[in-house]
Amino acid sequence: MFSKSSNSRNGGSPVAATGARNTPFSIIGGDVVITGNVEASVDLHIDGKVDGDISCAALVQGAESRIKGHVTARTARIGGLVEGSISAEELIVEATARITGDVSYDVISIATGGQIDGKMSHMSGARATDLKLVKTDAS
C-alpha cells in the first residue's frame, strides 16, 4: 500500500530557491544594509537601507527605507527617504516620501504629504506641457 519507490520521493519537479535566475523581482528586506551600488535587470523592492546608486527596471521603496545615492529606473514608487537624484520615466511619490535631490521624470504623481527638495525637470524639457488641476470628490 505505501511503497518507498524513488518515483514517489522525486516525482515532482524541483522548486526554485529564492534568488533564482528567472524571478521577476528582487527584495531587499528591512533588516538589510547595503553599502555599494545595486544593479538589477528586474524589478526591485527595497525596505532596507542602501548607501550607493541603484539601477533597475522598476523600483518600489517602502516607507521605512532609506536610499543614499542616485536612482535610475523606468518606473519608481518612492515611499521612504531618498538622499540623491532620481531619474525615472514614471515617478510616483507617496505621502510618506522625502526626496532630497534633483528629480528627472517623464510622468510624475505626488501624493499629498510627499516632499521633494530639489530641482524637478521633465525628461524631454524641449517639449512644453500644460499643467492641469485635477479635482477629487473629497474637495
Protein backbone atom coordinates (compact mmCIF):
# COMPACT_ATOMS: atom_id res chain seq x y z
CA MET A 1 0.00 0.00 0.00
CA PHE A 2 2.74 2.51 0.96
CA SER A 3 5.85 1.89 -1.08
CA LYS A 4 9.21 3.56 -0.83
CA SER A 5 9.88 3.81 -4.52
CA SER A 6 12.17 6.53 -5.84
CA ASN A 7 9.33 7.80 -8.06
CA SER A 8 7.20 8.88 -5.10
CA ARG A 9 10.04 10.84 -3.47
CA ASN A 10 11.20 12.73 -6.54
CA GLY A 11 8.00 12.67 -8.56
CA GLY A 12 7.53 16.45 -8.63
CA SER A 13 9.69 18.99 -10.32
CA PRO A 14 12.31 20.78 -8.21
CA VAL A 15 11.23 24.05 -6.62
CA ALA A 16 13.34 27.11 -7.44
CA ALA A 17 15.03 28.70 -4.46
CA THR A 18 14.83 32.41 -3.73
CA GLY A 19 17.17 34.31 -6.00
CA ALA A 20 16.67 32.02 -8.98
CA ARG A 21 17.58 33.45 -12.36
CA ASN A 22 14.02 33.70 -13.65
CA THR A 23 12.46 35.63 -10.76
CA PRO A 24 10.51 38.74 -11.81
CA PHE A 25 11.70 40.86 -8.84
CA SER A 26 14.20 41.08 -6.01
CA ILE A 27 13.59 42.18 -2.43
CA ILE A 28 15.95 43.92 -0.01
CA GLY A 29 14.44 43.36 3.42
CA GLY A 30 14.06 45.89 6.20
CA ASP A 31 16.97 44.45 8.19
CA VAL A 32 19.42 44.66 5.26
CA VAL A 33 22.00 47.44 4.87
CA ILE A 34 23.89 47.62 1.56
CA THR A 35 26.98 49.77 1.08
CA GLY A 36 27.71 49.94 -2.64
CA ASN A 37 25.86 50.21 -5.91
CA VAL A 38 22.90 47.97 -6.73
CA GLU A 39 22.08 46.97 -10.30
CA ALA A 40 19.13 44.75 -11.20
CA SER A 41 17.66 43.84 -14.56
CA VAL A 42 14.35 43.06 -12.87
CA ASP A 43 12.02 44.98 -10.54
CA LEU A 44 13.44 45.81 -7.13
CA HIS A 45 11.60 46.25 -3.81
CA ILE A 46 13.62 47.94 -1.07
CA ASP A 47 12.60 48.02 2.57
CA GLY A 48 16.15 48.30 3.94
CA LYS A 49 18.95 50.84 3.58
CA VAL A 50 21.17 51.36 0.54
CA ASP A 51 24.24 53.63 0.52
CA GLY A 52 25.01 53.67 -3.20
CA ASP A 53 23.47 54.15 -6.61
CA ILE A 54 20.54 52.00 -7.74
CA SER A 55 19.71 51.00 -11.30
CA CYS A 56 16.76 48.71 -12.04
CA ALA A 57 13.72 48.17 -14.25
CA ALA A 58 11.19 49.27 -11.63
CA LEU A 59 11.74 50.36 -8.03
CA VAL A 60 9.33 50.16 -5.13
CA GLN A 61 10.63 51.74 -1.93
CA GLY A 62 8.99 51.05 1.42
CA ALA A 63 8.08 53.83 3.86
CA GLU A 64 10.82 52.90 6.36
CA SER A 65 13.51 52.56 3.70
CA ARG A 66 16.46 54.91 3.10
CA ILE A 67 18.45 55.32 -0.11
CA LYS A 68 21.55 57.50 -0.24
CA GLY A 69 22.60 57.72 -3.89
CA HIS A 70 21.34 58.17 -7.43
CA VAL A 71 18.26 56.18 -8.53
CA THR A 72 17.71 55.24 -12.19
CA ALA A 73 14.61 53.25 -13.15
CA ARG A 74 11.91 53.12 -15.80
CA THR A 75 9.30 53.37 -13.04
CA ALA A 76 9.84 54.30 -9.40
CA ARG A 77 7.40 54.35 -6.49
CA ILE A 78 9.12 56.21 -3.66
CA GLY A 79 7.78 55.83 -0.13
CA GLY A 80 10.78 56.44 2.11
CA LEU A 81 13.80 58.74 2.28
CA VAL A 82 15.97 59.33 -0.79
CA GLU A 83 19.10 61.46 -0.41
CA GLY A 84 20.19 61.80 -4.02
CA SER A 85 18.86 62.35 -7.50
CA ILE A 86 16.16 60.30 -9.21
CA SER A 87 15.75 59.67 -12.92
CA ALA A 88 12.60 57.78 -13.88
CA GLU A 89 10.22 57.77 -16.81
CA GLU A 90 7.29 57.31 -14.42
CA LEU A 91 7.73 58.57 -10.86
CA ILE A 92 5.20 58.10 -8.07
CA VAL A 93 5.94 59.97 -4.84
CA GLU A 94 3.96 58.54 -1.93
CA ALA A 95 2.70 60.63 1.02
CA THR A 96 5.50 59.20 3.22
CA ALA A 97 8.27 60.03 0.72
CA ARG A 98 11.05 62.53 1.43
CA ILE A 99 13.36 63.24 -1.53
CA THR A 100 16.42 65.48 -1.15
CA GLY A 101 17.91 65.83 -4.62
CA ASP A 102 17.10 66.61 -8.22
CA VAL A 103 14.31 64.70 -9.92
CA SER A 104 14.08 63.98 -13.65
CA TYR A 105 10.86 62.38 -14.91
CA ASP A 106 8.56 61.93 -17.89
CA VAL A 107 5.36 61.39 -15.86
CA ILE A 108 5.08 62.27 -12.15
CA SER A 109 2.48 61.82 -9.44
CA ILE A 110 2.93 63.32 -5.97
CA ALA A 111 0.60 62.32 -3.15
CA THR A 112 -0.45 64.90 -0.58
CA GLY A 113 2.32 64.98 2.02
CA GLY A 114 5.10 63.78 -0.29
CA GLN A 115 8.15 66.08 -0.20
CA ILE A 116 10.75 66.90 -2.85
CA ASP A 117 13.58 69.28 -2.01
CA GLY A 118 15.47 69.75 -5.26
CA LYS A 119 15.15 70.70 -8.90
CA MET A 120 12.38 68.97 -10.82
CA SER A 121 12.80 68.66 -14.58
CA HIS A 122 10.86 66.93 -17.31
CA MET A 123 12.98 64.44 -19.29
CA SER A 124 12.01 65.96 -22.64
CA GLY A 125 12.50 69.57 -21.50
CA ALA A 126 12.15 70.92 -25.05
CA ARG A 127 8.53 69.81 -25.15
CA ALA A 128 6.20 72.15 -23.26
CA THR A 129 3.31 70.57 -21.42
CA ASP A 130 0.18 72.10 -19.97
CA LEU A 131 -0.48 71.73 -16.26
CA LYS A 132 -3.99 70.70 -15.34
CA LEU A 133 -5.68 70.99 -11.98
CA VAL A 134 -7.27 67.70 -11.03
CA LYS A 135 -10.10 67.89 -8.53
CA THR A 136 -11.22 64.96 -6.43
CA ASP A 137 -14.66 64.36 -4.98
CA ALA A 138 -13.19 64.91 -1.49
CA SER A 139 -12.65 68.65 -2.19
